[in-house]
Amino acid sequence: MIFMAVDPGLEPYARADLREMESVGSNADLNIVVQRETPADVERFYVRQGSHQSCQDGENSPPTGAGGVRALLDWGRQVFPAQHQALILWGHSRGIAETLEAAPEDLKAPAAQTHVWLPRVTDLAQAIPAKLDLIGFDSCFLGSIEAAYQLRHAAE
């Protein structure tokens, strides 16, 4: 399961990464599902080799932020049960910087408010209802030992 927080500046990279996922696609041993959150909407996809299809199934738009991560995990586990599960968090992140008194200045700048940010690490830890086999990070600031430590109970 891939949770993508895509702001306009990351859109070309999100499209490229989705094409990379499509180059492999889902198969009998692997289901690739993506929840893509943008400023305008939230979409879910099932990735096939060479394409992807919407998985909205007439439901309301999935929630955003930490609630979106939880909803993706709950939905993915129900619709695509598996012996092994992974979550990849993709997009901008403040990591643990928002918990520091001396956060980097670029995180406090007005432009930072226009980004679609991944949820706070502490919110992520609470959003993951059952242990995963793997949590991966494709994001700035989140792929740190401090973030991994805060999420240590969420994955093997």
N, C-alpha and C. Protein backbone atom coordinates (compact mmCIF):
# COMPACT_ATOMS: atom_id res chain seq x y z
N MET A 1 0.86 -1.16 0.00
CA MET A 1 0.00 0.00 0.00
C MET A 1 0.90 1.22 0.00
N ILE A 2 0.57 2.16 -0.86
CA ILE A 2 1.36 3.38 -0.97
C ILE A 2 0.44 4.56 -0.68
N PHE A 3 0.83 5.38 0.29
CA PHE A 3 0.09 6.59 0.62
C PHE A 3 0.89 7.76 0.07
N MET A 4 0.34 8.44 -0.95
CA MET A 4 1.04 9.54 -1.60
C MET A 4 0.40 10.87 -1.22
N ALA A 5 1.17 11.77 -0.63
CA ALA A 5 0.73 13.13 -0.35
C ALA A 5 1.37 14.00 -1.43
N VAL A 6 0.58 14.38 -2.44
CA VAL A 6 1.11 15.00 -3.65
C VAL A 6 0.70 16.46 -3.73
N ASP A 7 1.66 17.36 -3.52
CA ASP A 7 1.35 18.77 -3.76
C ASP A 7 1.73 19.10 -5.20
N PRO A 8 1.32 20.26 -5.72
CA PRO A 8 1.57 20.56 -7.13
C PRO A 8 3.04 20.44 -7.55
N GLY A 9 3.96 20.76 -6.68
CA GLY A 9 5.37 20.67 -7.03
C GLY A 9 5.87 19.24 -7.19
N LEU A 10 5.15 18.29 -6.61
CA LEU A 10 5.56 16.89 -6.69
C LEU A 10 4.79 16.10 -7.76
N GLU A 11 3.83 16.74 -8.41
CA GLU A 11 2.98 16.03 -9.37
C GLU A 11 3.76 15.28 -10.45
N PRO A 12 4.78 15.89 -11.09
CA PRO A 12 5.51 15.12 -12.12
C PRO A 12 6.20 13.89 -11.56
N TYR A 13 6.69 13.98 -10.32
CA TYR A 13 7.37 12.85 -9.70
C TYR A 13 6.36 11.76 -9.32
N ALA A 14 5.18 12.18 -8.89
CA ALA A 14 4.14 11.21 -8.56
C ALA A 14 3.72 10.43 -9.80
N ARG A 15 3.54 11.14 -10.92
CA ARG A 15 3.19 10.45 -12.17
C ARG A 15 4.28 9.49 -12.59
N ALA A 16 5.54 9.91 -12.47
CA ALA A 16 6.66 9.04 -12.84
C ALA A 16 6.72 7.81 -11.94
N ASP A 17 6.50 7.99 -10.64
CA ASP A 17 6.53 6.84 -9.73
C ASP A 17 5.36 5.90 -10.00
N LEU A 18 4.21 6.44 -10.35
CA LEU A 18 3.07 5.58 -10.69
C LEU A 18 3.38 4.76 -11.95
N ARG A 19 4.04 5.39 -12.93
CA ARG A 19 4.45 4.64 -14.14
C ARG A 19 5.44 3.53 -13.78
N GLU A 20 6.34 3.81 -12.83
CA GLU A 20 7.28 2.77 -12.38
C GLU A 20 6.52 1.60 -11.75
N MET A 21 5.52 1.92 -10.93
CA MET A 21 4.72 0.85 -10.33
C MET A 21 3.98 0.06 -11.41
N GLU A 22 3.48 0.76 -12.44
CA GLU A 22 2.78 0.10 -13.54
C GLU A 22 3.72 -0.80 -14.34
N SER A 23 5.00 -0.51 -14.34
CA SER A 23 5.94 -1.35 -15.09
C SER A 23 6.03 -2.75 -14.47
N VAL A 24 5.71 -2.86 -13.19
CA VAL A 24 5.68 -4.15 -12.51
C VAL A 24 4.23 -4.65 -12.43
N GLY A 25 3.38 -3.81 -11.89
CA GLY A 25 1.97 -4.14 -11.75
C GLY A 25 1.71 -5.20 -10.69
N SER A 26 0.43 -5.34 -10.36
CA SER A 26 0.01 -6.36 -9.41
C SER A 26 -0.01 -7.71 -10.12
N ASN A 27 0.07 -8.77 -9.33
CA ASN A 27 -0.02 -10.12 -9.89
C ASN A 27 -0.59 -11.03 -8.81
N ALA A 28 -0.55 -12.33 -9.02
CA ALA A 28 -1.13 -13.29 -8.06
C ALA A 28 -0.45 -13.22 -6.69
N ASP A 29 0.79 -12.75 -6.63
CA ASP A 29 1.53 -12.70 -5.37
C ASP A 29 1.68 -11.30 -4.79
N LEU A 30 1.24 -10.29 -5.52
CA LEU A 30 1.48 -8.91 -5.11
C LEU A 30 0.33 -8.02 -5.55
N ASN A 31 -0.24 -7.29 -4.60
CA ASN A 31 -1.24 -6.27 -4.92
C ASN A 31 -0.64 -4.91 -4.62
N ILE A 32 -0.66 -4.03 -5.60
CA ILE A 32 -0.16 -2.66 -5.42
C ILE A 32 -1.37 -1.75 -5.41
N VAL A 33 -1.60 -1.10 -4.29
CA VAL A 33 -2.70 -0.14 -4.18
C VAL A 33 -2.13 1.19 -3.71
N VAL A 34 -2.68 2.26 -4.26
CA VAL A 34 -2.18 3.60 -3.99
C VAL A 34 -3.33 4.49 -3.55
N GLN A 35 -3.11 5.26 -2.50
CA GLN A 35 -4.02 6.36 -2.17
C GLN A 35 -3.25 7.64 -2.42
N ARG A 36 -3.77 8.46 -3.33
CA ARG A 36 -3.11 9.68 -3.79
C ARG A 36 -3.91 10.87 -3.30
N GLU A 37 -3.30 11.67 -2.43
CA GLU A 37 -3.95 12.85 -1.87
C GLU A 37 -3.34 14.10 -2.48
N THR A 38 -4.18 14.95 -3.06
CA THR A 38 -3.74 16.23 -3.62
C THR A 38 -4.54 17.35 -2.94
N PRO A 39 -4.21 18.61 -3.22
CA PRO A 39 -5.02 19.68 -2.64
C PRO A 39 -6.48 19.60 -3.12
N ALA A 40 -6.72 19.02 -4.29
CA ALA A 40 -8.06 19.00 -4.87
C ALA A 40 -8.87 17.76 -4.50
N ASP A 41 -8.23 16.60 -4.34
CA ASP A 41 -9.00 15.39 -4.10
C ASP A 41 -8.15 14.26 -3.54
N VAL A 42 -8.81 13.16 -3.27
CA VAL A 42 -8.16 11.94 -2.80
C VAL A 42 -8.67 10.80 -3.68
N GLU A 43 -7.75 10.01 -4.21
CA GLU A 43 -8.12 8.90 -5.09
C GLU A 43 -7.41 7.63 -4.63
N ARG A 44 -8.04 6.50 -4.91
CA ARG A 44 -7.39 5.20 -4.69
C ARG A 44 -7.29 4.48 -6.02
N PHE A 45 -6.15 3.80 -6.21
CA PHE A 45 -5.90 3.06 -7.45
C PHE A 45 -5.44 1.65 -7.14
N TYR A 46 -5.80 0.74 -8.03
CA TYR A 46 -5.22 -0.59 -8.07
C TYR A 46 -4.28 -0.58 -9.27
N VAL A 47 -3.03 -0.89 -9.05
CA VAL A 47 -2.03 -0.79 -10.11
C VAL A 47 -1.88 -2.14 -10.80
N ARG A 48 -2.12 -2.11 -12.11
CA ARG A 48 -1.93 -3.29 -12.96
C ARG A 48 -0.68 -3.05 -13.80
N GLN A 49 -0.21 -4.09 -14.45
CA GLN A 49 0.91 -3.91 -15.35
C GLN A 49 0.44 -3.06 -16.53
N GLY A 50 1.06 -1.91 -16.71
CA GLY A 50 0.74 -1.01 -17.80
C GLY A 50 -0.38 -0.02 -17.55
N SER A 51 -1.09 -0.13 -16.43
CA SER A 51 -2.18 0.82 -16.16
C SER A 51 -2.55 0.79 -14.68
N HIS A 52 -3.48 1.67 -14.34
CA HIS A 52 -4.05 1.66 -12.99
C HIS A 52 -5.54 1.98 -13.11
N GLN A 53 -6.31 1.47 -12.18
CA GLN A 53 -7.75 1.72 -12.23
C GLN A 53 -8.22 2.25 -10.89
N SER A 54 -9.25 3.08 -10.94
CA SER A 54 -9.80 3.66 -9.73
C SER A 54 -10.42 2.57 -8.86
N CYS A 55 -10.28 2.74 -7.57
CA CYS A 55 -10.88 1.81 -6.61
C CYS A 55 -11.86 2.53 -5.69
N GLN A 56 -12.47 3.59 -6.17
CA GLN A 56 -13.37 4.36 -5.32
C GLN A 56 -14.65 3.60 -5.01
N ASP A 57 -15.12 2.78 -5.93
CA ASP A 57 -16.33 1.96 -5.73
C ASP A 57 -17.51 2.77 -5.22
N GLY A 58 -17.69 3.97 -5.70
CA GLY A 58 -18.84 4.77 -5.34
C GLY A 58 -18.80 5.34 -3.93
N GLU A 59 -17.78 5.03 -3.18
CA GLU A 59 -17.70 5.56 -1.82
C GLU A 59 -17.36 7.04 -1.85
N ASN A 60 -17.58 7.69 -0.74
CA ASN A 60 -17.16 9.08 -0.64
C ASN A 60 -15.65 9.14 -0.74
N SER A 61 -15.14 10.30 -1.00
CA SER A 61 -13.70 10.47 -1.08
C SER A 61 -13.07 10.02 0.25
N PRO A 62 -12.01 9.21 0.19
CA PRO A 62 -11.37 8.75 1.43
C PRO A 62 -10.87 9.93 2.26
N PRO A 63 -10.75 9.75 3.57
CA PRO A 63 -10.25 10.83 4.42
C PRO A 63 -8.79 11.16 4.09
N THR A 64 -8.34 12.28 4.61
CA THR A 64 -6.97 12.73 4.36
C THR A 64 -6.14 12.60 5.64
N GLY A 65 -4.85 12.88 5.50
CA GLY A 65 -3.95 12.90 6.65
C GLY A 65 -3.84 11.55 7.33
N ALA A 66 -3.64 11.56 8.65
CA ALA A 66 -3.49 10.31 9.40
C ALA A 66 -4.74 9.45 9.28
N GLY A 67 -5.90 10.08 9.24
CA GLY A 67 -7.14 9.32 9.03
C GLY A 67 -7.15 8.64 7.68
N GLY A 68 -6.53 9.27 6.68
CA GLY A 68 -6.41 8.67 5.36
C GLY A 68 -5.49 7.46 5.36
N VAL A 69 -4.40 7.54 6.12
CA VAL A 69 -3.49 6.40 6.24
C VAL A 69 -4.24 5.25 6.88
N ARG A 70 -4.95 5.53 7.96
CA ARG A 70 -5.73 4.49 8.65
C ARG A 70 -6.78 3.90 7.71
N ALA A 71 -7.50 4.76 6.98
CA ALA A 71 -8.54 4.28 6.06
C ALA A 71 -7.94 3.42 4.95
N LEU A 72 -6.77 3.83 4.43
CA LEU A 72 -6.11 3.03 3.40
C LEU A 72 -5.73 1.66 3.95
N LEU A 73 -5.17 1.61 5.14
CA LEU A 73 -4.78 0.33 5.73
C LEU A 73 -6.00 -0.56 5.98
N ASP A 74 -7.04 0.02 6.56
CA ASP A 74 -8.25 -0.77 6.83
C ASP A 74 -8.85 -1.30 5.52
N TRP A 75 -8.98 -0.42 4.54
CA TRP A 75 -9.55 -0.79 3.25
C TRP A 75 -8.68 -1.82 2.55
N GLY A 76 -7.37 -1.58 2.50
CA GLY A 76 -6.46 -2.48 1.82
C GLY A 76 -6.47 -3.87 2.43
N ARG A 77 -6.52 -3.93 3.75
CA ARG A 77 -6.55 -5.23 4.43
C ARG A 77 -7.86 -5.97 4.18
N GLN A 78 -8.94 -5.22 4.04
CA GLN A 78 -10.24 -5.86 3.79
C GLN A 78 -10.37 -6.32 2.34
N VAL A 79 -10.02 -5.46 1.40
CA VAL A 79 -10.21 -5.75 -0.02
C VAL A 79 -9.11 -6.66 -0.58
N PHE A 80 -7.89 -6.51 -0.08
CA PHE A 80 -6.75 -7.28 -0.57
C PHE A 80 -6.04 -7.97 0.60
N PRO A 81 -6.69 -8.94 1.25
CA PRO A 81 -6.04 -9.60 2.39
C PRO A 81 -4.74 -10.29 1.93
N ALA A 82 -3.75 -10.25 2.80
CA ALA A 82 -2.45 -10.81 2.44
C ALA A 82 -1.72 -11.29 3.69
N GLN A 83 -0.81 -12.22 3.50
CA GLN A 83 0.00 -12.70 4.61
C GLN A 83 1.04 -11.65 5.03
N HIS A 84 1.49 -10.85 4.07
CA HIS A 84 2.50 -9.83 4.34
C HIS A 84 2.01 -8.50 3.80
N GLN A 85 2.24 -7.44 4.57
CA GLN A 85 1.76 -6.11 4.17
C GLN A 85 2.84 -5.07 4.41
N ALA A 86 2.89 -4.13 3.48
CA ALA A 86 3.84 -3.02 3.59
C ALA A 86 3.10 -1.72 3.35
N LEU A 87 3.62 -0.67 3.93
CA LEU A 87 3.11 0.69 3.73
C LEU A 87 4.28 1.56 3.32
N ILE A 88 4.13 2.24 2.20
CA ILE A 88 5.13 3.22 1.76
C ILE A 88 4.51 4.60 1.90
N LEU A 89 5.18 5.48 2.60
CA LEU A 89 4.73 6.86 2.80
C LEU A 89 5.52 7.75 1.85
N TRP A 90 4.81 8.42 0.95
CA TRP A 90 5.42 9.15 -0.16
C TRP A 90 4.99 10.60 -0.10
N GLY A 91 5.93 11.52 -0.17
CA GLY A 91 5.59 12.94 -0.25
C GLY A 91 6.39 13.79 0.72
N HIS A 92 6.01 15.05 0.83
CA HIS A 92 6.67 15.97 1.76
C HIS A 92 6.34 15.58 3.19
N SER A 93 7.31 15.74 4.05
CA SER A 93 7.10 15.45 5.46
C SER A 93 7.93 16.41 6.29
N ARG A 94 7.41 16.74 7.42
CA ARG A 94 8.18 17.53 8.37
C ARG A 94 8.99 16.60 9.28
N GLY A 95 8.72 15.30 9.18
CA GLY A 95 9.42 14.34 10.04
C GLY A 95 9.19 14.68 11.49
N ILE A 96 10.23 14.67 12.26
CA ILE A 96 10.09 15.03 13.67
C ILE A 96 10.35 16.51 13.89
N ALA A 97 10.66 17.26 12.82
CA ALA A 97 11.01 18.68 12.97
C ALA A 97 9.91 19.48 13.65
N GLU A 98 8.65 19.11 13.39
CA GLU A 98 7.57 19.90 13.99
C GLU A 98 7.49 19.73 15.50
N THR A 99 8.15 18.71 16.03
CA THR A 99 8.15 18.53 17.48
C THR A 99 9.33 19.25 18.13
N LEU A 100 10.22 19.80 17.31
CA LEU A 100 11.39 20.49 17.84
C LEU A 100 11.10 21.98 18.01
N GLU A 101 11.65 22.56 19.05
CA GLU A 101 11.47 24.00 19.24
C GLU A 101 12.16 24.78 18.13
N ALA A 102 13.29 24.31 17.69
CA ALA A 102 14.06 25.00 16.66
C ALA A 102 13.86 24.31 15.32
N ALA A 103 12.63 24.30 14.81
CA ALA A 103 12.34 23.68 13.52
C ALA A 103 13.00 24.49 12.41
N PRO A 104 13.42 23.85 11.34
CA PRO A 104 14.01 24.58 10.21
C PRO A 104 13.09 25.69 9.73
N GLU A 105 13.68 26.83 9.39
CA GLU A 105 12.90 27.99 8.99
C GLU A 105 12.00 27.74 7.78
N ASP A 106 12.44 26.89 6.83
CA ASP A 106 11.61 26.66 5.66
C ASP A 106 10.30 25.94 6.00
N LEU A 107 10.22 25.29 7.15
CA LEU A 107 8.98 24.66 7.56
C LEU A 107 8.01 25.65 8.17
N LYS A 108 8.53 26.81 8.55
CA LYS A 108 7.69 27.84 9.15
C LYS A 108 7.23 28.87 8.11
N ALA A 109 7.84 28.84 6.92
CA ALA A 109 7.56 29.84 5.89
C ALA A 109 6.14 29.70 5.37
N PRO A 110 5.54 30.80 4.88
CA PRO A 110 4.18 30.73 4.34
C PRO A 110 4.03 29.71 3.21
N ALA A 111 5.05 29.54 2.38
CA ALA A 111 4.97 28.57 1.28
C ALA A 111 4.78 27.16 1.80
N ALA A 112 5.28 26.90 3.00
CA ALA A 112 5.15 25.56 3.57
C ALA A 112 3.68 25.21 3.81
N GLN A 113 2.85 26.21 3.98
CA GLN A 113 1.43 25.95 4.24
C GLN A 113 0.69 25.51 2.99
N THR A 114 1.28 25.70 1.81
CA THR A 114 0.60 25.29 0.57
C THR A 114 0.92 23.84 0.20
N HIS A 115 1.86 23.22 0.87
CA HIS A 115 2.22 21.83 0.60
C HIS A 115 1.13 20.89 1.10
N VAL A 116 1.05 19.74 0.47
CA VAL A 116 0.29 18.61 1.03
C VAL A 116 1.33 17.81 1.81
N TRP A 117 1.21 17.80 3.11
CA TRP A 117 2.19 17.15 3.97
C TRP A 117 1.72 15.77 4.37
N LEU A 118 2.65 14.86 4.53
CA LEU A 118 2.33 13.59 5.16
C LEU A 118 1.96 13.89 6.61
N PRO A 119 1.16 13.03 7.23
CA PRO A 119 0.79 13.27 8.63
C PRO A 119 2.00 13.28 9.56
N ARG A 120 1.81 13.90 10.72
CA ARG A 120 2.88 13.93 11.72
C ARG A 120 3.22 12.50 12.13
N VAL A 121 4.47 12.29 12.48
CA VAL A 121 4.93 10.95 12.85
C VAL A 121 4.13 10.41 14.03
N THR A 122 3.86 11.24 15.03
CA THR A 122 3.10 10.76 16.18
C THR A 122 1.69 10.37 15.78
N ASP A 123 1.08 11.10 14.84
CA ASP A 123 -0.25 10.74 14.35
C ASP A 123 -0.20 9.46 13.53
N LEU A 124 0.87 9.27 12.76
CA LEU A 124 1.03 8.04 11.98
C LEU A 124 1.11 6.82 12.90
N ALA A 125 1.87 6.95 13.96
CA ALA A 125 2.04 5.82 14.89
C ALA A 125 0.69 5.39 15.46
N GLN A 126 -0.19 6.35 15.72
CA GLN A 126 -1.51 6.04 16.26
C GLN A 126 -2.46 5.56 15.16
N ALA A 127 -2.21 5.90 13.91
CA ALA A 127 -3.10 5.55 12.80
C ALA A 127 -2.92 4.11 12.32
N ILE A 128 -1.80 3.50 12.64
CA ILE A 128 -1.53 2.16 12.14
C ILE A 128 -2.10 1.16 13.14
N PRO A 129 -3.22 0.49 12.76
CA PRO A 129 -3.97 -0.32 13.72
C PRO A 129 -3.34 -1.66 14.08
N ALA A 130 -2.57 -2.23 13.18
CA ALA A 130 -1.94 -3.53 13.44
C ALA A 130 -0.59 -3.55 12.76
N LYS A 131 0.32 -4.33 13.31
CA LYS A 131 1.69 -4.34 12.78
C LYS A 131 1.75 -4.69 11.31
N LEU A 132 2.58 -3.96 10.61
CA LEU A 132 2.90 -4.23 9.21
C LEU A 132 4.23 -4.97 9.15
N ASP A 133 4.50 -5.59 8.02
CA ASP A 133 5.80 -6.23 7.84
C ASP A 133 6.88 -5.19 7.55
N LEU A 134 6.47 -4.11 6.89
CA LEU A 134 7.45 -3.11 6.45
C LEU A 134 6.79 -1.75 6.34
N ILE A 135 7.48 -0.73 6.78
CA ILE A 135 7.10 0.66 6.50
C ILE A 135 8.28 1.28 5.78
N GLY A 136 8.01 1.84 4.61
CA GLY A 136 9.06 2.48 3.83
C GLY A 136 8.78 3.96 3.69
N PHE A 137 9.82 4.74 3.49
CA PHE A 137 9.68 6.19 3.38
C PHE A 137 10.24 6.66 2.05
N ASP A 138 9.43 7.36 1.29
CA ASP A 138 9.88 8.04 0.08
C ASP A 138 9.49 9.49 0.28
N SER A 139 10.15 10.13 1.25
CA SER A 139 9.77 11.48 1.64
C SER A 139 10.94 12.19 2.29
N CYS A 140 10.86 13.51 2.24
CA CYS A 140 11.88 14.30 2.92
C CYS A 140 11.58 14.32 4.41
N PHE A 141 12.58 14.28 5.20
CA PHE A 141 12.55 14.36 6.66
C PHE A 141 11.95 13.16 7.36
N LEU A 142 11.14 12.34 6.68
CA LEU A 142 10.52 11.22 7.38
C LEU A 142 11.46 10.03 7.46
N GLY A 143 12.33 9.87 6.49
CA GLY A 143 13.25 8.73 6.47
C GLY A 143 14.43 8.94 7.40
N SER A 144 14.15 9.11 8.67
CA SER A 144 15.22 9.33 9.65
C SER A 144 15.13 8.28 10.75
N ILE A 145 16.20 8.11 11.46
CA ILE A 145 16.22 7.15 12.56
C ILE A 145 15.23 7.56 13.65
N GLU A 146 15.04 8.86 13.83
CA GLU A 146 14.10 9.34 14.83
C GLU A 146 12.66 8.97 14.48
N ALA A 147 12.30 9.12 13.20
CA ALA A 147 10.96 8.73 12.76
C ALA A 147 10.79 7.21 12.86
N ALA A 148 11.81 6.47 12.45
CA ALA A 148 11.73 5.01 12.54
C ALA A 148 11.55 4.57 13.99
N TYR A 149 12.22 5.25 14.91
CA TYR A 149 12.08 4.91 16.32
C TYR A 149 10.64 5.15 16.79
N GLN A 150 10.04 6.26 16.37
CA GLN A 150 8.66 6.56 16.79
C GLN A 150 7.67 5.57 16.20
N LEU A 151 8.01 4.95 15.07
CA LEU A 151 7.12 3.99 14.42
C LEU A 151 7.54 2.53 14.68
N ARG A 152 8.44 2.33 15.63
CA ARG A 152 9.02 1.00 15.86
C ARG A 152 7.98 -0.06 16.20
N HIS A 153 6.87 0.30 16.80
CA HIS A 153 5.85 -0.67 17.17
C HIS A 153 4.86 -0.94 16.03
N ALA A 154 4.98 -0.20 14.93
CA ALA A 154 4.03 -0.31 13.84
C ALA A 154 4.47 -1.33 12.78
N ALA A 155 5.70 -1.79 12.84
CA ALA A 155 6.19 -2.73 11.83
C ALA A 155 7.23 -3.67 12.42
N GLU A 156 7.34 -4.81 11.76
CA GLU A 156 8.35 -5.79 12.15
C GLU A 156 9.71 -5.25 11.78
